[in-house]
Protein backbone atom coordinates (compact mmCIF):
# COMPACT_ATOMS: atom_id res chain seq x y z
CA MET A 1 -146.84 -45.29 -120.26
CA PRO A 2 -144.68 -47.34 -117.79
CA ASP A 3 -144.14 -50.23 -118.39
CA TYR A 4 -146.08 -52.16 -115.47
CA ALA A 5 -145.05 -55.44 -116.10
CA ASN A 6 -141.98 -55.23 -115.44
CA LEU A 7 -141.00 -54.82 -111.65
CA GLU A 8 -137.81 -56.78 -111.73
CA PHE A 9 -135.72 -53.53 -109.83
CA LEU A 10 -138.58 -54.23 -107.43
CA PHE A 11 -137.63 -57.99 -106.55
CA HIS A 12 -133.90 -58.24 -107.74
CA PRO A 13 -133.39 -55.02 -106.97
CA ASN A 14 -128.80 -54.68 -106.75
CA SER A 15 -128.38 -52.64 -103.84
CA ILE A 16 -130.63 -51.97 -100.56
CA ALA A 17 -130.52 -48.58 -98.23
CA LEU A 18 -132.25 -48.66 -94.50
CA ALA A 19 -133.60 -45.60 -93.64
CA GLY A 20 -134.35 -44.67 -90.32
CA ILE A 21 -133.60 -47.42 -88.66
CA THR A 22 -132.89 -46.97 -84.84
CA VAL A 23 -129.29 -47.32 -83.40
CA THR A 24 -129.84 -47.43 -79.80
CA ASN A 25 -132.80 -50.29 -79.14
CA PRO A 26 -131.60 -53.40 -80.71
CA GLU A 27 -135.83 -54.90 -80.22
CA HIS A 28 -136.92 -51.90 -81.76
CA TRP A 29 -139.69 -53.48 -84.94
CA THR A 30 -137.03 -51.12 -87.92
CA ARG A 31 -135.12 -54.33 -86.82
CA THR A 32 -137.58 -57.08 -88.01
CA PHE A 33 -135.81 -55.68 -91.69
CA LEU A 34 -131.96 -55.85 -90.89
CA ASP A 35 -132.93 -59.47 -88.83
CA SER A 36 -134.30 -60.52 -91.96
CA LEU A 37 -131.84 -59.99 -94.82
CA LEU A 38 -129.07 -61.17 -92.82
CA GLU A 39 -130.93 -64.34 -91.61
CA PHE A 40 -131.18 -64.70 -95.69
CA ARG A 41 -127.79 -63.47 -95.94
CA PHE A 42 -128.74 -60.42 -98.80
CA GLU A 43 -125.46 -60.28 -101.19
CA ARG A 44 -125.85 -56.98 -102.71
CA PRO A 45 -124.70 -53.81 -101.02
CA LEU A 46 -127.27 -52.88 -97.89
CA TYR A 47 -126.73 -49.46 -96.51
CA LEU A 48 -127.67 -47.92 -93.05
CA VAL A 49 -129.05 -44.70 -92.34
CA ASN A 50 -129.44 -43.09 -89.10
CA PRO A 51 -128.20 -39.18 -88.47
CA LYS A 52 -127.31 -40.92 -85.15
CA GLY A 53 -124.62 -43.06 -87.19
CA GLY A 54 -122.47 -45.23 -85.11
CA GLU A 55 -122.72 -49.08 -85.79
CA ILE A 56 -124.78 -51.97 -85.87
CA LYS A 57 -124.11 -55.27 -86.06
CA GLY A 58 -120.60 -54.74 -87.77
CA LEU A 59 -122.45 -52.54 -90.03
CA LYS A 60 -121.84 -48.72 -90.25
CA VAL A 61 -124.25 -46.41 -89.80
CA TYR A 62 -124.56 -43.49 -92.41
CA GLN A 63 -125.95 -40.39 -91.33
CA SER A 64 -127.95 -39.73 -94.59
CA LEU A 65 -128.25 -41.23 -97.63
CA ALA A 66 -126.07 -37.85 -99.46
CA ASP A 67 -122.97 -40.38 -97.50
CA VAL A 68 -123.64 -43.53 -98.79
CA PRO A 69 -120.27 -44.05 -101.37
CA ASN A 70 -122.50 -45.40 -103.74
CA THR A 71 -126.15 -45.71 -105.83
CA ILE A 72 -128.81 -47.34 -103.73
CA ASP A 73 -131.24 -48.63 -105.64
CA TYR A 74 -134.57 -49.76 -103.29
CA VAL A 75 -135.00 -47.40 -99.91
CA ILE A 76 -136.76 -49.46 -97.05
CA SER A 77 -138.22 -45.43 -95.72
CA LEU A 78 -138.84 -46.69 -91.61
CA VAL A 79 -138.49 -42.93 -91.06
CA PRO A 80 -142.64 -41.06 -89.27
CA ALA A 81 -144.57 -40.61 -91.24
CA ARG A 82 -143.77 -36.70 -91.52
CA VAL A 83 -140.49 -36.63 -92.79
CA ALA A 84 -141.69 -38.85 -95.56
CA PRO A 85 -141.63 -36.28 -98.44
CA GLY A 86 -138.22 -35.17 -97.13
CA LEU A 87 -136.69 -38.40 -98.05
CA VAL A 88 -138.26 -38.30 -101.31
CA GLU A 89 -136.15 -35.19 -102.13
CA GLU A 90 -133.03 -37.00 -100.91
CA CYS A 91 -133.49 -40.58 -102.72
CA ALA A 92 -133.59 -38.49 -105.72
CA GLY A 93 -130.35 -37.15 -105.36
CA LYS A 94 -129.22 -40.78 -105.33
CA GLY A 95 -130.52 -42.10 -108.66
CA VAL A 96 -133.30 -45.27 -106.48
CA LYS A 97 -135.78 -46.21 -108.49
CA ALA A 98 -138.14 -48.02 -105.41
CA ILE A 99 -138.76 -46.32 -102.17
CA HIS A 100 -140.77 -49.28 -99.83
CA PHE A 101 -142.96 -47.07 -97.86
CA CYS A 102 -143.22 -49.25 -94.36
CA THR A 103 -144.63 -47.11 -92.03
CA ALA A 104 -148.60 -45.12 -91.04
CA GLY A 105 -149.90 -42.13 -90.49
CA PHE A 106 -150.92 -41.75 -94.40
CA SER A 107 -154.41 -42.15 -95.77
CA GLU A 108 -155.14 -44.61 -93.93
CA THR A 109 -156.23 -42.79 -90.51
CA GLY A 110 -158.54 -41.01 -92.72
CA GLU A 111 -157.75 -37.37 -91.16
CA GLU A 112 -156.81 -34.56 -94.12
CA GLU A 113 -153.30 -34.47 -92.55
CA GLY A 114 -152.22 -37.77 -93.66
CA ILE A 115 -154.61 -37.83 -96.82
CA LYS A 116 -152.71 -34.93 -97.87
CA LEU A 117 -148.97 -36.21 -96.80
CA GLU A 118 -149.66 -38.88 -99.25
CA ALA A 119 -150.77 -37.24 -102.08
CA LYS A 120 -147.34 -35.26 -101.43
CA VAL A 121 -145.20 -38.47 -101.85
CA ALA A 122 -147.11 -40.19 -104.31
CA GLU A 123 -146.53 -36.43 -106.94
CA LEU A 124 -143.00 -35.87 -105.27
CA GLY A 125 -142.29 -39.85 -106.21
CA ARG A 126 -143.56 -39.22 -110.18
CA LYS A 127 -142.05 -36.38 -110.41
CA LYS A 128 -138.58 -37.84 -109.40
CA GLY A 129 -138.97 -40.81 -111.24
CA ILE A 130 -139.91 -42.82 -108.55
CA ARG A 131 -141.55 -45.97 -107.91
CA ILE A 132 -143.16 -46.25 -104.47
CA VAL A 133 -144.60 -49.68 -102.55
CA GLY A 134 -147.28 -48.70 -99.67
CA PRO A 135 -146.95 -46.83 -97.21
CA ASN A 136 -148.26 -48.64 -94.34
CA CYS A 137 -147.43 -51.93 -95.65
CA MET A 138 -144.28 -54.92 -95.35
CA GLY A 139 -142.70 -54.72 -98.95
CA VAL A 140 -140.62 -57.26 -100.26
CA TYR A 141 -140.07 -61.19 -100.02
CA CYS A 142 -138.02 -62.78 -102.69
CA PRO A 143 -136.09 -65.47 -101.66
CA GLU A 144 -134.45 -65.98 -104.89
CA SER A 145 -133.10 -62.32 -104.54
CA ARG A 146 -132.20 -63.32 -100.79
CA ILE A 147 -135.34 -60.46 -99.39
CA SER A 148 -137.82 -60.55 -96.84
CA PHE A 149 -139.25 -58.93 -94.07
CA GLN A 150 -139.54 -61.76 -91.68
CA SER A 151 -136.49 -64.05 -90.74
CA ASN A 152 -138.03 -66.86 -90.77
CA PHE A 153 -139.75 -67.26 -94.15
CA PRO A 154 -138.59 -70.29 -96.17
CA LYS A 155 -135.12 -69.54 -98.38
CA GLU A 156 -136.71 -71.75 -100.59
CA ARG A 157 -138.65 -69.91 -104.03
CA GLY A 158 -141.66 -71.82 -105.26
CA THR A 159 -144.15 -71.20 -107.82
CA VAL A 160 -146.93 -69.09 -106.33
CA GLY A 161 -147.13 -65.15 -105.99
CA PHE A 162 -148.76 -63.39 -103.18
CA ILE A 163 -150.37 -60.16 -103.61
CA SER A 164 -151.53 -58.44 -100.14
CA GLN A 165 -153.21 -55.08 -99.17
CA SER A 166 -152.41 -56.24 -95.49
CA GLY A 167 -148.57 -57.02 -93.76
CA GLY A 168 -150.54 -59.25 -91.81
CA ASN A 169 -151.77 -61.06 -93.95
CA ALA A 170 -148.42 -61.43 -95.79
CA VAL A 171 -146.95 -63.03 -92.84
CA ASP A 172 -149.93 -64.95 -91.70
CA ILE A 173 -151.06 -67.18 -95.72
CA VAL A 174 -146.86 -67.81 -95.61
CA ASN A 175 -146.12 -69.13 -91.98
CA GLN A 176 -149.38 -71.09 -92.50
CA VAL A 177 -148.67 -72.71 -95.48
CA MET A 178 -145.26 -73.83 -95.51
CA TRP A 179 -144.61 -76.04 -93.36
CA ARG A 180 -147.81 -78.00 -96.00
CA GLY A 181 -144.97 -77.41 -98.89
CA ILE A 182 -146.04 -74.10 -100.47
CA ARG A 183 -143.11 -72.07 -101.31
CA PHE A 184 -143.57 -68.35 -102.45
CA SER A 185 -141.46 -67.33 -105.62
CA LYS A 186 -142.38 -63.51 -104.76
CA VAL A 187 -145.19 -62.17 -102.15
CA ILE A 188 -145.68 -58.68 -101.83
CA SER A 189 -147.46 -56.32 -99.28
CA TYR A 190 -148.30 -53.06 -100.79
CA GLY A 191 -150.43 -50.88 -98.52
CA ASN A 192 -152.67 -48.25 -99.10
CA ALA A 193 -151.30 -47.64 -102.89
CA CYS A 194 -150.32 -44.45 -103.11
CA ASP A 195 -147.91 -45.35 -106.50
CA LEU A 196 -147.91 -49.21 -107.39
CA ASN A 197 -151.32 -50.85 -106.69
CA GLU A 198 -152.47 -54.11 -107.31
CA SER A 199 -153.11 -54.44 -110.89
CA ASP A 200 -148.97 -53.54 -111.60
CA PHE A 201 -148.48 -56.60 -110.00
CA LEU A 202 -150.51 -58.41 -110.99
CA GLU A 203 -149.71 -57.96 -114.25
CA TYR A 204 -146.12 -57.96 -112.75
CA PHE A 205 -147.37 -62.36 -111.55
CA THR A 206 -148.76 -63.19 -114.45
CA ALA A 207 -146.53 -62.20 -116.95
CA ASP A 208 -142.71 -64.07 -114.45
CA PRO A 209 -141.93 -67.35 -115.00
CA ASN A 210 -141.25 -67.70 -112.32
CA THR A 211 -144.98 -67.29 -110.58
CA LYS A 212 -147.27 -70.48 -111.72
CA ALA A 213 -150.22 -69.44 -109.73
CA ILE A 214 -151.44 -65.96 -108.19
CA ALA A 215 -152.83 -65.51 -104.73
CA MET A 216 -154.59 -62.27 -103.75
CA TYR A 217 -155.72 -60.55 -100.77
CA ILE A 218 -157.43 -56.84 -101.66
CA GLU A 219 -159.09 -54.52 -99.81
CA GLY A 220 -160.15 -52.12 -102.49
CA THR A 221 -159.12 -51.10 -105.69
CA LYS A 222 -157.85 -47.78 -107.36
CA ASP A 223 -158.77 -48.16 -111.69
CA GLY A 224 -161.95 -50.87 -111.42
CA ARG A 225 -161.86 -51.58 -115.13
CA ARG A 226 -158.66 -51.69 -115.42
CA PHE A 227 -158.46 -54.18 -112.91
CA ARG A 228 -161.00 -56.37 -114.22
CA GLN A 229 -159.23 -56.53 -117.57
CA THR A 230 -156.02 -57.09 -115.34
CA LEU A 231 -157.59 -60.11 -113.89
CA GLN A 232 -159.12 -61.51 -116.67
CA LYS A 233 -155.35 -61.90 -118.35
CA ALA A 234 -154.39 -63.55 -115.27
CA ALA A 235 -157.14 -65.93 -115.05
CA SER A 236 -156.69 -66.81 -118.61
CA LYS A 237 -153.32 -67.85 -118.05
CA LYS A 238 -152.43 -68.79 -114.22
CA PRO A 239 -155.06 -69.69 -111.69
CA VAL A 240 -156.25 -66.75 -109.16
CA ILE A 241 -156.91 -67.15 -105.92
CA LEU A 242 -158.84 -64.28 -104.05
CA LEU A 243 -159.58 -63.30 -101.07
CA LYS A 244 -161.46 -60.28 -100.77
CA GLY A 245 -161.73 -57.90 -97.35
CA GLY A 246 -164.38 -55.46 -96.42
CA VAL A 247 -167.54 -57.24 -97.74
CA THR A 248 -169.72 -56.82 -95.32
CA GLU A 249 -170.86 -53.35 -93.78
CA SER A 250 -168.49 -54.04 -90.80
CA GLY A 251 -165.52 -55.12 -93.06
CA ALA A 252 -166.18 -52.13 -94.94
CA ARG A 253 -165.78 -49.86 -92.38
CA ALA A 254 -162.85 -51.52 -90.74
CA VAL A 255 -161.08 -51.68 -94.87
CA ALA A 256 -161.54 -48.01 -94.45
CA GLY A 257 -159.28 -47.41 -91.51
CA HIS A 258 -156.92 -50.07 -92.79
CA THR A 259 -155.83 -48.91 -96.29
CA GLY A 260 -158.33 -46.10 -97.01
CA ALA A 261 -159.02 -48.49 -99.58
CA LEU A 262 -162.41 -48.45 -101.02
CA ALA A 263 -164.46 -51.81 -100.59
CA GLY A 264 -166.96 -53.50 -103.06
CA SER A 265 -170.45 -56.02 -102.36
CA GLU A 266 -169.86 -59.20 -101.34
CA ALA A 267 -172.38 -60.24 -105.22
CA VAL A 268 -169.66 -58.28 -107.06
CA TRP A 269 -166.89 -60.16 -106.05
CA ASP A 270 -169.14 -63.31 -106.48
CA SER A 271 -170.09 -62.44 -110.22
CA LEU A 272 -166.97 -60.89 -110.97
CA CYS A 273 -164.35 -64.30 -109.78
CA ARG A 274 -166.75 -66.53 -111.60
CA GLN A 275 -166.79 -65.17 -114.82
CA LEU A 276 -163.76 -64.69 -114.99
CA GLY A 277 -162.75 -67.90 -113.63
CA VAL A 278 -161.26 -66.90 -110.56
CA ILE A 279 -161.49 -69.14 -107.67
CA ARG A 280 -162.73 -66.75 -104.76
CA VAL A 281 -162.13 -67.78 -100.57
CA ASP A 282 -163.37 -65.94 -97.68
CA SER A 283 -160.74 -67.06 -95.23
CA LEU A 284 -156.45 -67.16 -95.39
CA GLU A 285 -157.22 -70.64 -94.21
CA GLU A 286 -159.26 -71.28 -97.54
CA MET A 287 -157.01 -69.87 -99.62
CA GLY A 288 -154.56 -72.49 -97.60
CA ASP A 289 -155.93 -74.63 -98.00
CA ILE A 290 -156.66 -74.41 -102.13
CA LEU A 291 -153.14 -73.76 -102.36
CA VAL A 292 -152.43 -77.62 -101.55
CA THR A 293 -155.31 -79.17 -103.43
CA LEU A 294 -153.93 -77.27 -106.53
CA LEU A 295 -150.20 -77.81 -105.72
CA PHE A 296 -150.34 -81.70 -104.49
CA LEU A 297 -153.30 -82.92 -105.31
CA PRO A 298 -153.69 -83.91 -109.03
CA MET A 299 -157.34 -83.02 -110.42
CA PRO A 300 -159.81 -86.56 -110.17
CA LYS A 301 -162.35 -87.16 -112.39
CA GLY A 302 -165.30 -87.15 -110.69
CA ARG A 303 -166.47 -86.20 -107.31
CA ARG A 304 -166.59 -89.69 -105.82
CA MET A 305 -164.38 -90.42 -103.20
CA ALA A 306 -163.70 -93.40 -100.63
CA LEU A 307 -163.04 -92.06 -97.60
CA ILE A 308 -160.65 -93.98 -94.42
CA GLY A 309 -159.12 -93.63 -91.40
CA GLY A 310 -160.00 -94.17 -87.60
CA GLY A 311 -162.89 -93.22 -85.46
CA GLY A 312 -166.37 -93.93 -86.25
CA GLY A 313 -167.16 -90.16 -84.96
CA ALA A 314 -164.79 -88.88 -86.96
CA SER A 315 -166.28 -91.19 -89.79
CA VAL A 316 -169.75 -89.44 -89.60
CA LEU A 317 -168.50 -85.61 -88.84
CA ILE A 318 -166.00 -86.61 -92.23
CA THR A 319 -169.08 -88.00 -94.70
CA ASP A 320 -170.46 -84.82 -93.73
CA GLU A 321 -168.76 -82.28 -94.32
CA PHE A 322 -167.85 -83.45 -98.30
CA GLU A 323 -171.08 -84.23 -99.04
CA LYS A 324 -172.65 -80.72 -97.33
CA LYS A 325 -169.88 -79.52 -100.36
CA GLY A 326 -170.48 -81.73 -102.98
CA LEU A 327 -168.74 -84.26 -102.86
CA LYS A 328 -169.85 -87.62 -103.12
CA VAL A 329 -169.06 -91.12 -100.54
CA PRO A 330 -171.21 -93.90 -102.57
CA SER A 331 -171.09 -97.07 -99.74
CA LEU A 332 -169.10 -100.06 -100.79
CA PRO A 333 -170.73 -102.55 -102.78
CA GLN A 334 -170.84 -106.30 -101.37
CA GLU A 335 -168.12 -108.19 -102.87
CA ILE A 336 -165.11 -104.95 -102.00
CA ARG A 337 -165.86 -105.80 -98.65
CA GLU A 338 -165.76 -109.69 -98.43
CA ARG A 339 -162.80 -109.22 -100.46
CA ILE A 340 -161.36 -106.88 -97.43
CA ARG A 341 -163.56 -109.72 -95.01
CA GLU A 342 -160.67 -112.22 -96.48
CA PHE A 343 -157.61 -110.40 -94.22
CA THR A 344 -159.62 -108.13 -91.97
CA PRO A 345 -162.21 -109.75 -89.13
CA ALA A 346 -165.63 -107.85 -88.82
CA ALA A 347 -165.19 -106.57 -85.08
CA GLY A 348 -163.67 -103.21 -85.23
CA ASN A 349 -164.21 -101.99 -89.05
CA ILE A 350 -166.55 -100.49 -90.87
CA LEU A 351 -166.35 -100.94 -94.34
CA ARG A 352 -169.11 -99.57 -95.90
CA ASN A 353 -166.77 -96.43 -97.14
CA PRO A 354 -165.91 -94.35 -94.20
CA ILE A 355 -163.74 -97.58 -93.30
CA ASP A 356 -163.37 -97.56 -90.30
CA TYR A 357 -160.35 -99.84 -89.62
CA SER A 358 -159.38 -100.79 -85.82
CA GLN A 359 -155.77 -101.76 -84.81
CA THR A 360 -156.01 -104.99 -86.78
CA MET A 361 -156.28 -103.45 -89.73
CA ILE A 362 -153.44 -101.64 -89.47
CA GLU A 363 -151.31 -104.92 -89.20
CA PRO A 364 -147.81 -104.49 -92.09
CA GLY A 365 -149.74 -104.69 -94.87
CA LYS A 366 -153.59 -104.95 -94.31
CA LEU A 367 -153.79 -100.85 -94.46
CA ALA A 368 -152.52 -101.23 -98.27
CA ARG A 369 -154.43 -104.04 -99.45
CA THR A 370 -157.60 -102.92 -98.26
CA VAL A 371 -156.34 -99.12 -99.69
CA GLY A 372 -155.08 -101.25 -103.48
CA ILE A 373 -158.84 -102.95 -103.38
CA ILE A 374 -160.78 -99.83 -103.00
CA SER A 375 -158.79 -97.58 -105.61
CA ASN A 376 -159.06 -100.03 -108.07
CA TRP A 377 -162.97 -99.84 -107.55
CA ASP A 378 -164.72 -97.65 -110.43
CA GLY A 379 -166.85 -96.10 -108.17
CA ILE A 380 -164.47 -93.66 -107.33
CA ASP A 381 -162.41 -91.31 -108.63
CA PHE A 382 -160.01 -90.13 -105.10
CA LEU A 383 -159.58 -91.09 -102.18
CA MET A 384 -159.03 -89.35 -98.29
CA GLY A 385 -157.54 -90.45 -95.85
CA PHE A 386 -158.31 -89.34 -92.18
CA MET A 387 -156.68 -89.23 -89.02
CA ARG A 388 -156.93 -88.05 -85.42
CA PRO A 389 -153.99 -88.12 -82.99
CA THR A 390 -155.33 -87.45 -80.52
CA LEU A 391 -157.76 -90.19 -80.35
CA ALA A 392 -154.84 -92.53 -81.61
CA ALA A 393 -153.72 -94.51 -79.00
CA ALA A 394 -150.23 -94.35 -79.02
CA SER A 395 -148.94 -97.79 -80.89
CA ILE A 396 -151.21 -96.11 -83.79
CA ARG A 397 -149.23 -92.78 -83.93
CA GLY A 398 -145.98 -94.37 -83.36
CA ARG A 399 -146.64 -96.51 -87.00
CA MET A 400 -148.33 -93.10 -88.43
CA ALA A 401 -145.49 -93.57 -90.65
CA GLU A 402 -145.81 -96.65 -92.21
CA MET A 403 -149.56 -95.84 -92.61
CA ILE A 404 -148.89 -93.19 -94.93
CA ASP A 405 -146.61 -95.60 -97.20
CA GLU A 406 -149.24 -98.40 -96.86
CA MET A 407 -152.25 -95.67 -98.20
CA LEU A 408 -149.95 -94.51 -101.04
CA GLU A 409 -148.93 -97.29 -101.82
CA GLY A 410 -152.48 -98.80 -102.39
CA SER A 411 -154.31 -95.40 -104.36
CA ARG A 412 -151.54 -96.78 -106.80
CA GLN A 413 -152.55 -100.49 -107.06
CA GLY A 414 -155.74 -98.48 -109.18
CA SER A 415 -154.05 -95.00 -109.54
CA LYS A 416 -156.41 -93.39 -107.65
CA GLN A 417 -155.12 -90.00 -106.22
CA ILE A 418 -155.33 -89.62 -102.47
CA GLY A 419 -155.02 -86.85 -100.07
CA LEU A 420 -154.98 -86.63 -95.70
CA VAL A 421 -156.32 -84.91 -92.93
CA ILE A 422 -153.88 -84.72 -90.02
CA GLU A 423 -155.52 -82.19 -87.37
CA PRO A 424 -153.30 -80.82 -85.28
CA SER A 425 -153.12 -82.13 -81.78
CA THR A 426 -153.73 -79.80 -78.82
CA LEU A 427 -151.08 -81.71 -76.81
CA ALA A 428 -147.27 -80.81 -76.65
CA GLN A 429 -146.34 -84.65 -76.92
CA GLU A 430 -148.86 -85.68 -79.83
CA ALA A 431 -147.80 -82.35 -81.14
CA LYS A 432 -144.36 -83.91 -81.54
CA GLU A 433 -145.05 -86.91 -82.54
CA ILE A 434 -147.64 -85.91 -85.39
CA PHE A 435 -145.07 -82.20 -86.89
CA PRO A 436 -142.87 -85.08 -88.67
CA ILE A 437 -145.86 -87.32 -89.48
CA ILE A 438 -146.97 -84.02 -92.05
CA GLN A 439 -143.69 -83.57 -93.01
CA LYS A 440 -143.09 -87.47 -94.57
CA CYS A 441 -146.41 -86.42 -96.57
CA VAL A 442 -145.15 -83.02 -97.77
CA SER A 443 -142.09 -84.76 -99.07
CA LEU A 444 -144.00 -87.62 -100.16
CA GLY A 445 -146.04 -84.31 -102.37
CA LEU A 446 -149.12 -85.42 -100.39
CA SER A 447 -152.43 -82.36 -100.33
CA VAL A 448 -151.83 -82.16 -96.10
CA TYR A 449 -155.07 -80.34 -94.46
CA TYR A 450 -156.33 -79.49 -90.78
CA SER A 451 -159.42 -79.97 -90.94
CA PHE A 452 -162.14 -82.27 -92.62
CA ALA A 453 -164.03 -78.87 -93.70
CA GLY A 454 -161.11 -77.18 -94.89
CA ALA A 455 -160.40 -80.23 -96.94
CA ALA A 456 -164.40 -80.70 -98.01
CA SER A 457 -164.08 -77.20 -99.03
CA ALA A 458 -161.53 -76.65 -100.85
CA ILE A 459 -161.85 -79.94 -102.78
CA SER A 460 -164.87 -79.17 -104.12
CA LEU A 461 -163.82 -75.39 -104.79
CA VAL A 462 -161.14 -76.46 -107.38
CA LEU A 463 -163.72 -79.14 -108.95
CA SER A 464 -166.23 -77.02 -109.47
CA HIS A 465 -163.61 -74.08 -110.94
CA TYR A 466 -163.07 -76.70 -113.35
CA GLU A 467 -166.09 -78.12 -113.56
CA ARG A 468 -167.06 -74.40 -115.24
CA HIS A 469 -163.44 -73.91 -117.11
CA PRO A 470 -162.47 -76.81 -118.10
CA SER A 471 -160.00 -75.32 -120.31
CA ALA A 472 -158.36 -72.75 -117.28
CA PRO A 473 -154.97 -73.18 -116.96
CA ARG A 474 -153.70 -76.06 -113.62
CA ILE A 475 -150.67 -76.49 -111.96
CA TYR A 476 -151.12 -80.33 -112.13
CA ARG A 477 -151.63 -82.71 -114.21
CA VAL A 478 -154.93 -84.24 -115.27
CA HIS A 479 -155.79 -87.25 -113.86
């Protein structure tokens, strides 16, 4: 029985070969992997293989794996599906430990030829002692070992491990959360899972000391019993977030045409996650918001919150969103309002909760005093600031960085946690102004959400998780 928890050779190979990389077309998709490895400055031997030979970006192109003068740990296969079995045979002669088959055309087609071809590749791998990732996937992203399948991914190592049956979803989640401060220890896109599957990678990430939280996108399981046992062990040691694709009838059909996986009913997956203490989400956006909450928002004692921001309509909408998700927005008592009125005029400022501030309140010092008074009130457990750049005057947008400092300063006076909803702008100039503000929030360790609904859903889901499972593992301090 192989040691599935020990897949270090896959994430930290001593050498890589790109088999089947195109020589003639610099824009061909097979160049993506080379461009990414060069951008990440992969430090160990990198070999290019194509029967035509030649040179790409100063690197020699060998005509076959046999021509490579040294042993090869890891092969990224870019060859057509029909020649995949021959590549496995070649790899066996070079002592290859793992092959990542990127290309499609296997069991996901639903056709007998593709199904048989995939089975043959898997059987050859077992006979030759070679582990196989895929086929039909993007493979490995591991910043520590400088491996990536996208050149624009962050180069810094983080604490989140992501297991994805889909290559596109693996790309999307990294791109979606990297600007909000989330970094990954490792990401694996494993596709059809003809050999290594979701349970293997879940076991590995559970044992990996660099991975503090595990996120998963899966479309089906190879062994339901084993997966349940593995998931239970993982959730007992680390926070686990799971997005299950194909829980509707139409979604199940899409799954069958994507990775050939077996889907399952929504009720079954929902029950499984509740029993095992897994946070189940319904979208990649929700997964991103959950990760932000787990990593950047220390869990408050309860569900009572104060909302503070600009815009009467926004105040109504954000209150509705948080209340609908089971969070409480209690009205400020009269004495709190009177204390704020001492330095803030009544006109233009609504001080009930949400606190809708006007131009007057954003004068230097006033916002910090307001948040400080509210933060010391025992009637709330945490605060949420909100900013809508598209509705803010240029003078307000220009002072947003200082306003965030004041909110954070005020929240600390009462030791209340604070998060921020900063809605992105669709206007080019405003978006350009807001992006540095989001980066400032990340540098301060603040949780940043892009929508009222996203913030409300994520915070409520995480609170519900720890209410049901008080001893569940955490990756941020308890307040």
